[in-house]
Each structure stands twice: as structure tokens, then as C-alpha cells.
Amino acid sequence: MKALVATQKPFAAKAVEGIKAIFKAAGIETVMLEKYVSEAELIESVADVDALIVRSDKVTKAVLDAAKNLKIVVRAGAGYDNLDLEACTAHNVVAMNTPGQNANAVAELAMAFMIYMSRNRFTPGTGSEISGKRLGLQAFGNVARLVGAKAAALGMKVMAYDPFVKPEDMEAAGVEVAESLEQLYGSSDFVSLHIPATPQTVGSVGASLVSLMPKGACLVNTARKEVIDEASLLALLSSGREDLKYIADVAPDAAADFEQALGKRYFATPKKMGAETAEANVNAGLAAANQIVAYLKDGCERFRLNR
């Protein structure tokens, strides 16, 4: 059997070594495709492989059409909007992610974002402390739980809204349960987004929600840019609510407009940095390799995304 590791943004050397060792022990040959620049290169490389590991690389119908032997693809990370799940199912390919492996790295970045914006992006002037401030978590998955715990340890008051998590589970984690998104936004000095990009969430966060936030509040996005209604958010923050701030781990499509209109009230990382730690890089890569081995050897589908 053969497994392809296809990464335009390569894994750390330690992660690659670990992936190769896991596959070698299972009798699986490893093929590497790093820093490729076109889908054509990926299409050519998947022709005879049984398994595929990607990071943010897009696994499209065209890629799957070319992968005649492919049985499983694993996205090394939590978000999986780069995988065409419908096409995976049509091609009898199991699609998985590696939830939780990047969670601490993203959670630490979210906390750093809050401090960074509270201190005026470390430029001259009087800032504020996050201790005593109110944090709202939109969704309460792996990352949000860690953000909540870290925020509470720093003296923040934490509230969460997630209709897919039992209220008692959120309460057990030490967070207050919001009854609605409107309550969450209206009660929070910071709102941290942890929702996936789905048909239901794309463009769902915009002026109608953010306008409810208290004076001086900040929206923190370490999720996906697609969940933001950029036009309405920019209009709100540049006209009418010049006190609000926005910081994101992925630049908006209208990044230049945000920067020009909002100045120090806005910041976005040059490229997505949430999982860019040595630890997360290794954790996600090794988890992906282990999940492939478990599926090919024992049929384990624990993290399957498609049916």
C-alpha cells in the first residue's frame, strides 16, 4: 500500500519523520509532495495511492477522479472545508479530520489576540487588561473549551453559546450558558468565534450581531473568514460603531478596506497562524498517519466525516 503526504505548506521535519515511521511500521510506502504549486501536480501524484494526508490543500472532485486506488483522505487539522465530502462519498473514499490536535495552538492565539488588541496593538497609549472582562464563546468545541479555561485562569468571565452542546456540559466546564446569540454578543467585551464554515454559518456574523456588543468590544476570529459578512461588518465598524474592534487569523477578502477604514482597531495575520506551532504540526501529522493505519488495518472510522 502507498500513502501520499501532499502539502503546499509542508509539515515540520519532525512530523514528516514521524509520519514515515508510522507508515513504515505498518508496511505502507510513503510518498511526499511538498510545496507544489498547481492542482495538476496533486492530480498526477494521487494516481496510484491508497491513502492521502493533506493540510489546507484542496481535495476536489478532479483530484478524486484521478485517485483510482484511494481509500482514505485525512485532513491534518480540525477544519475540513477543503475536502469535497460529497465527492469523497461518491468515490467511496473515507474522509477524516484530526479534531483536537491543533486546539491548544489556536486557543493560545485567541488569547494572544485579546491581549494584543487590549494593549492597542502594543503601540503608545493607555490600554486595558483582560482580567475582569466578559468573554463570549460562539460554539463550544475543543478550541473553545481551552479558550474558556485559559480566559477564566486570567480572571475573565466566560459565557458560551452552542445549541449542539448540552447546557449541563458547558456548566460543568465552568462557563455560563447563553440562551441566544443575541445574549452572547450583547453581554461580551470579546466574542471569540469557533464555528466551522458550513452552509448555515457562512456569512452569518455581521452587523446585526456585532452591533449588539458593548462599547469598546472586540470580535476575535480564529475560525474561518467565510463566516464573516464582510460588507456589513466593515460598514458597521467604519460608520456608527467606531469604538468596536476586529482581529482575525485570516485576512478578509476586503483586507485593504478594513485596514484603511479601521486603523489600529483591526488586525489580521498575513496567513492563517492558528495551527502554526511545532507542537500542533507534529500532533496533527502523526494523528493523521495513525488514523490511516487504523482504517486500512482494522477498518476504524472514528473520525469519519462523510457517509
Protein backbone atom coordinates (compact mmCIF):
# COMPACT_ATOMS: atom_id res chain seq x y z
CA MET A 1 0.00 0.00 0.00
CA LYS A 2 1.05 3.57 -0.62
CA ALA A 3 0.25 6.83 1.20
CA LEU A 4 0.79 10.32 -0.19
CA VAL A 5 1.53 13.33 2.03
CA ALA A 6 0.56 16.32 -0.13
CA THR A 7 1.29 19.68 1.48
CA GLN A 8 1.72 23.01 -0.25
CA LYS A 9 2.68 24.25 3.21
CA PRO A 10 4.91 21.38 4.42
CA PHE A 11 4.87 19.70 7.79
CA ALA A 12 7.82 20.25 10.11
CA ALA A 13 10.69 17.83 9.57
CA LYS A 14 9.92 16.10 12.87
CA ALA A 15 6.34 15.49 11.78
CA VAL A 16 7.44 14.06 8.42
CA GLU A 17 9.87 11.72 10.15
CA GLY A 18 7.12 10.54 12.49
CA ILE A 19 4.62 10.01 9.67
CA LYS A 20 7.14 7.97 7.70
CA ALA A 21 7.97 5.86 10.75
CA ILE A 22 4.29 5.12 11.43
CA PHE A 23 3.68 4.09 7.82
CA LYS A 24 6.88 2.03 7.62
CA ALA A 25 5.92 0.06 10.73
CA ALA A 26 2.56 -0.70 9.10
CA GLY A 27 4.13 -1.76 5.81
CA ILE A 28 2.89 1.33 3.95
CA GLU A 29 5.12 3.20 1.50
CA THR A 30 5.26 6.98 1.98
CA VAL A 31 5.28 9.37 -0.97
CA MET A 32 5.92 13.07 -0.41
CA LEU A 33 4.60 16.02 -2.46
CA GLU A 34 5.67 19.26 -0.80
CA LYS A 35 5.47 22.92 -1.89
CA TYR A 36 3.61 22.05 -5.07
CA VAL A 37 2.07 24.97 -6.95
CA SER A 38 -0.76 23.53 -9.04
CA GLU A 39 -3.64 21.11 -8.74
CA ALA A 40 -2.23 19.29 -11.75
CA GLU A 41 0.77 18.18 -9.66
CA LEU A 42 -1.54 16.78 -6.99
CA ILE A 43 -3.71 15.06 -9.60
CA GLU A 44 -0.64 13.38 -11.08
CA SER A 45 0.63 12.26 -7.67
CA VAL A 46 -2.60 10.64 -6.42
CA ALA A 47 -2.95 8.25 -9.35
CA ASP A 48 -1.82 5.09 -7.53
CA VAL A 49 -2.02 5.87 -3.80
CA ASP A 50 -4.28 4.19 -1.24
CA ALA A 51 -4.24 7.00 1.31
CA LEU A 52 -3.76 10.75 1.36
CA ILE A 53 -2.79 13.26 4.06
CA VAL A 54 -3.33 16.97 3.42
CA ARG A 55 -3.28 20.15 5.46
CA SER A 56 -5.17 23.07 3.88
CA ASP A 57 -4.77 21.53 0.43
CA LYS A 58 -7.99 21.21 -1.57
CA VAL A 59 -9.21 17.70 -2.32
CA THR A 60 -11.62 18.32 -5.18
CA LYS A 61 -13.70 16.11 -7.44
CA ALA A 62 -10.94 16.36 -10.05
CA VAL A 63 -8.38 15.07 -7.56
CA LEU A 64 -10.67 12.23 -6.53
CA ASP A 65 -11.41 11.33 -10.16
CA ALA A 66 -7.68 10.77 -10.66
CA ALA A 67 -7.17 8.78 -7.44
CA LYS A 68 -8.34 5.39 -8.66
CA ASN A 69 -6.97 3.45 -5.67
CA LEU A 70 -7.71 6.00 -2.95
CA LYS A 71 -9.48 4.62 0.11
CA ILE A 72 -9.00 7.35 2.71
CA VAL A 73 -8.04 11.03 2.94
CA VAL A 74 -7.23 12.70 6.25
CA ARG A 75 -7.13 16.43 6.78
CA ALA A 76 -4.42 17.09 9.39
CA GLY A 77 -6.39 19.64 11.37
CA ALA A 78 -9.91 20.33 12.56
CA GLY A 79 -11.46 22.36 9.74
CA TYR A 80 -12.34 20.32 6.68
CA ASP A 81 -13.97 22.71 4.23
CA ASN A 82 -11.07 21.96 1.86
CA LEU A 83 -12.40 18.41 1.42
CA ASP A 84 -15.22 17.79 -1.06
CA LEU A 85 -17.14 15.38 1.16
CA GLU A 86 -19.85 14.70 -1.41
CA ALA A 87 -17.25 13.71 -3.98
CA CYS A 88 -15.43 11.58 -1.39
CA THR A 89 -18.63 9.65 -0.74
CA ALA A 90 -19.31 9.24 -4.46
CA HIS A 91 -15.83 7.79 -4.89
CA ASN A 92 -16.13 5.50 -1.83
CA VAL A 93 -13.33 7.40 -0.11
CA VAL A 94 -13.44 7.82 3.66
CA ALA A 95 -12.74 11.42 4.71
CA MET A 96 -11.46 12.27 8.20
CA ASN A 97 -10.03 15.18 10.15
CA THR A 98 -7.91 15.20 13.32
CA PRO A 99 -10.03 17.13 15.85
CA GLY A 100 -8.28 18.49 18.90
CA GLN A 101 -4.71 18.13 17.67
CA ASN A 102 -4.35 21.85 16.87
CA ALA A 103 -6.73 23.02 19.57
CA ASN A 104 -4.25 24.35 22.12
CA ALA A 105 -2.28 26.26 19.50
CA VAL A 106 -5.42 28.01 18.26
CA ALA A 107 -6.61 28.68 21.81
CA GLU A 108 -3.31 30.33 22.73
CA LEU A 109 -3.53 32.51 19.64
CA ALA A 110 -7.06 33.60 20.55
CA MET A 111 -5.84 34.68 23.98
CA ALA A 112 -2.87 36.50 22.45
CA PHE A 113 -5.27 38.32 20.10
CA MET A 114 -7.32 39.60 23.02
CA ILE A 115 -4.28 40.91 24.86
CA TYR A 116 -2.84 42.42 21.68
CA MET A 117 -5.98 44.42 20.94
CA SER A 118 -6.47 45.39 24.59
CA ARG A 119 -2.99 46.89 24.59
CA ASN A 120 -3.61 48.92 21.44
CA ARG A 121 -1.55 46.52 19.32
CA PHE A 122 1.45 47.38 21.51
CA THR A 123 1.58 50.97 20.27
CA PRO A 124 1.92 54.01 22.59
CA GLY A 125 -1.15 54.83 24.63
CA THR A 126 -3.10 53.51 27.59
CA GLY A 127 -4.55 50.08 27.05
CA SER A 128 -6.65 47.85 29.25
CA GLU A 129 -6.43 44.48 30.98
CA ILE A 130 -8.48 41.44 30.03
CA SER A 131 -8.94 40.37 33.64
CA GLY A 132 -12.50 41.11 34.68
CA LYS A 133 -13.69 41.40 31.09
CA ARG A 134 -16.53 39.29 29.68
CA LEU A 135 -15.72 36.69 27.02
CA GLY A 136 -18.37 35.12 24.81
CA LEU A 137 -17.58 31.87 23.01
CA GLN A 138 -19.61 31.17 19.89
CA ALA A 139 -19.55 27.34 19.80
CA PHE A 140 -18.06 25.16 22.49
CA GLY A 141 -15.86 22.56 20.83
CA ASN A 142 -12.25 21.59 21.53
CA VAL A 143 -10.72 25.02 20.91
CA ALA A 144 -13.44 27.00 22.68
CA ARG A 145 -13.19 24.84 25.79
CA LEU A 146 -9.46 25.58 26.01
CA VAL A 147 -10.00 29.28 25.37
CA GLY A 148 -12.60 29.34 28.13
CA ALA A 149 -10.30 27.65 30.62
CA LYS A 150 -7.37 29.93 29.82
CA ALA A 151 -9.58 33.02 29.95
CA ALA A 152 -11.02 32.03 33.32
CA ALA A 153 -7.50 31.48 34.66
CA LEU A 154 -6.72 35.07 33.67
CA GLY A 155 -9.77 36.38 35.51
CA MET A 156 -12.22 36.71 32.64
CA LYS A 157 -15.93 35.95 32.97
CA VAL A 158 -16.83 33.35 30.35
CA MET A 159 -20.14 32.67 28.60
CA ALA A 160 -20.80 30.27 25.71
CA TYR A 161 -23.49 29.59 23.15
CA ASP A 162 -23.70 26.28 21.33
CA PRO A 163 -27.08 24.69 20.52
CA PHE A 164 -25.32 21.37 19.86
CA VAL A 165 -23.78 21.06 23.34
CA LYS A 166 -25.81 20.20 26.42
CA PRO A 167 -26.09 23.17 28.81
CA GLU A 168 -25.03 20.98 31.72
CA ASP A 169 -21.79 20.11 29.91
CA MET A 170 -20.98 23.80 29.49
CA GLU A 171 -21.84 24.49 33.11
CA ALA A 172 -19.63 21.60 34.18
CA ALA A 173 -16.78 23.27 32.31
CA GLY A 174 -17.32 26.39 34.39
CA VAL A 175 -18.91 28.67 31.79
CA GLU A 176 -22.21 30.49 31.85
CA VAL A 177 -24.70 29.34 29.22
CA ALA A 178 -26.12 31.95 26.85
CA GLU A 179 -29.71 31.38 25.80
CA SER A 180 -29.21 33.02 22.41
CA LEU A 181 -26.57 34.52 20.14
CA GLU A 182 -28.08 37.91 20.83
CA GLN A 183 -27.48 37.47 24.56
CA LEU A 184 -23.92 36.28 23.91
CA TYR A 185 -22.99 39.28 21.79
CA GLY A 186 -24.85 41.77 23.93
CA SER A 187 -23.09 40.59 27.09
CA SER A 188 -19.49 40.22 25.87
CA ASP A 189 -16.49 42.53 25.75
CA PHE A 190 -14.89 39.93 23.49
CA VAL A 191 -16.63 37.38 21.29
CA SER A 192 -14.39 34.54 20.10
CA LEU A 193 -15.61 32.62 17.06
CA HIS A 194 -15.20 28.84 16.94
CA ILE A 195 -17.80 27.83 14.37
CA PRO A 196 -16.98 25.86 11.20
CA ALA A 197 -17.68 27.18 7.72
CA THR A 198 -20.90 25.44 6.70
CA PRO A 199 -23.85 26.47 4.54
CA GLN A 200 -25.57 27.53 7.77
CA THR A 201 -22.69 29.64 9.13
CA VAL A 202 -21.15 31.25 6.04
CA GLY A 203 -21.78 35.00 6.22
CA SER A 204 -23.67 34.62 9.49
CA VAL A 205 -21.57 37.00 11.60
CA GLY A 206 -22.14 40.60 10.61
CA ALA A 207 -23.58 43.91 11.66
CA SER A 208 -26.81 42.56 13.15
CA LEU A 209 -24.91 40.60 15.81
CA VAL A 210 -21.79 42.70 16.28
CA SER A 211 -23.81 45.89 16.73
CA LEU A 212 -25.15 44.38 19.95
CA MET A 213 -21.68 44.32 21.55
CA PRO A 214 -20.85 46.81 24.33
CA LYS A 215 -18.75 49.93 23.75
CA GLY A 216 -15.11 49.13 23.02
CA ALA A 217 -15.75 45.43 22.43
CA CYS A 218 -13.71 43.21 20.12
CA LEU A 219 -14.63 40.40 17.73
CA VAL A 220 -11.98 37.64 17.60
CA ASN A 221 -11.97 35.28 14.63
CA THR A 222 -9.69 32.22 14.69
CA ALA A 223 -12.26 30.23 12.73
CA ARG A 224 -12.80 30.89 9.01
CA LYS A 225 -13.09 34.17 7.10
CA GLU A 226 -16.14 32.81 5.29
CA VAL A 227 -18.29 33.02 8.43
CA ILE A 228 -17.99 36.82 8.36
CA ASP A 229 -20.38 39.04 6.42
CA GLU A 230 -17.54 41.37 5.46
CA ALA A 231 -19.60 44.11 3.84
CA SER A 232 -21.95 44.64 6.77
CA LEU A 233 -19.20 44.30 9.39
CA LEU A 234 -16.99 46.85 7.63
CA ALA A 235 -19.90 49.25 7.24
CA LEU A 236 -20.76 48.96 10.94
CA LEU A 237 -17.21 49.37 12.24
CA SER A 238 -16.39 52.29 9.93
CA SER A 239 -19.63 54.23 10.35
CA GLY A 240 -21.63 54.31 13.55
CA ARG A 241 -19.61 51.99 15.82
CA GLU A 242 -16.08 53.38 15.62
CA ASP A 243 -15.43 52.02 19.10
CA LEU A 244 -15.51 48.33 18.07
CA LYS A 245 -12.51 46.23 17.05
CA TYR A 246 -11.94 43.20 14.84
CA ILE A 247 -8.97 40.81 14.81
CA ALA A 248 -8.71 37.71 12.64
CA ASP A 249 -6.45 34.77 11.94
CA VAL A 250 -7.15 35.03 8.25
CA ALA A 251 -7.30 38.23 6.26
CA PRO A 252 -10.73 39.22 4.92
CA ASP A 253 -11.17 39.42 1.17
CA ALA A 254 -11.53 43.18 1.71
CA ALA A 255 -8.45 43.36 3.96
CA ALA A 256 -7.19 46.62 2.47
CA ASP A 257 -10.56 48.27 3.08
CA PHE A 258 -10.64 47.09 6.69
CA GLU A 259 -7.12 48.35 7.32
CA GLN A 260 -7.73 51.73 5.73
CA ALA A 261 -11.05 52.30 7.49
CA LEU A 262 -10.29 50.92 10.93
CA GLY A 263 -6.57 51.53 11.50
CA LYS A 264 -5.47 50.15 14.88
CA ARG A 265 -8.95 48.77 15.55
CA TYR A 266 -8.25 45.98 13.05
CA PHE A 267 -5.57 43.35 12.57
CA ALA A 268 -5.28 40.14 10.56
CA THR A 269 -2.41 37.70 10.34
CA PRO A 270 -0.69 37.61 6.92
CA LYS A 271 -1.61 33.92 6.66
CA LYS A 272 -3.54 31.57 8.92
CA MET A 273 -1.39 31.04 12.01
CA GLY A 274 -3.65 29.20 14.46
CA ALA A 275 -2.04 25.79 13.96
CA GLU A 276 1.43 27.14 13.19
CA THR A 277 3.27 25.77 16.20
CA ALA A 278 5.82 22.98 16.20
CA GLU A 279 3.69 21.01 18.63
CA ALA A 280 0.45 21.27 16.67
CA ASN A 281 2.24 20.49 13.43
CA VAL A 282 3.59 17.23 14.82
CA ASN A 283 0.41 16.29 16.69
CA ALA A 284 -1.84 16.66 13.64
CA GLY A 285 0.55 14.90 11.27
CA LEU A 286 1.07 11.88 13.50
CA ALA A 287 -2.65 11.66 14.27
CA ALA A 288 -3.43 11.64 10.54
CA ALA A 289 -0.95 8.83 9.91
CA ASN A 290 -2.25 6.77 12.83
CA GLN A 291 -5.84 7.19 11.67
CA ILE A 292 -4.93 5.97 8.20
CA VAL A 293 -3.20 2.89 9.60
CA ALA A 294 -6.14 2.16 11.90
CA TYR A 295 -8.57 2.39 9.00
CA LEU A 296 -6.55 0.38 6.48
CA LYS A 297 -5.65 -2.33 9.01
CA ASP A 298 -8.73 -2.51 11.23
CA GLY A 299 -11.47 -0.51 9.47
CA CYS A 300 -11.59 2.09 12.28
CA GLU A 301 -13.79 5.03 11.21
CA ARG A 302 -13.82 7.01 14.46
CA PHE A 303 -13.24 10.43 12.87
CA ARG A 304 -15.12 9.82 9.62
CA LEU A 305 -16.79 12.96 8.23
CA ASN A 306 -18.77 11.56 5.27
CA ARG A 307 -21.21 8.69 4.89
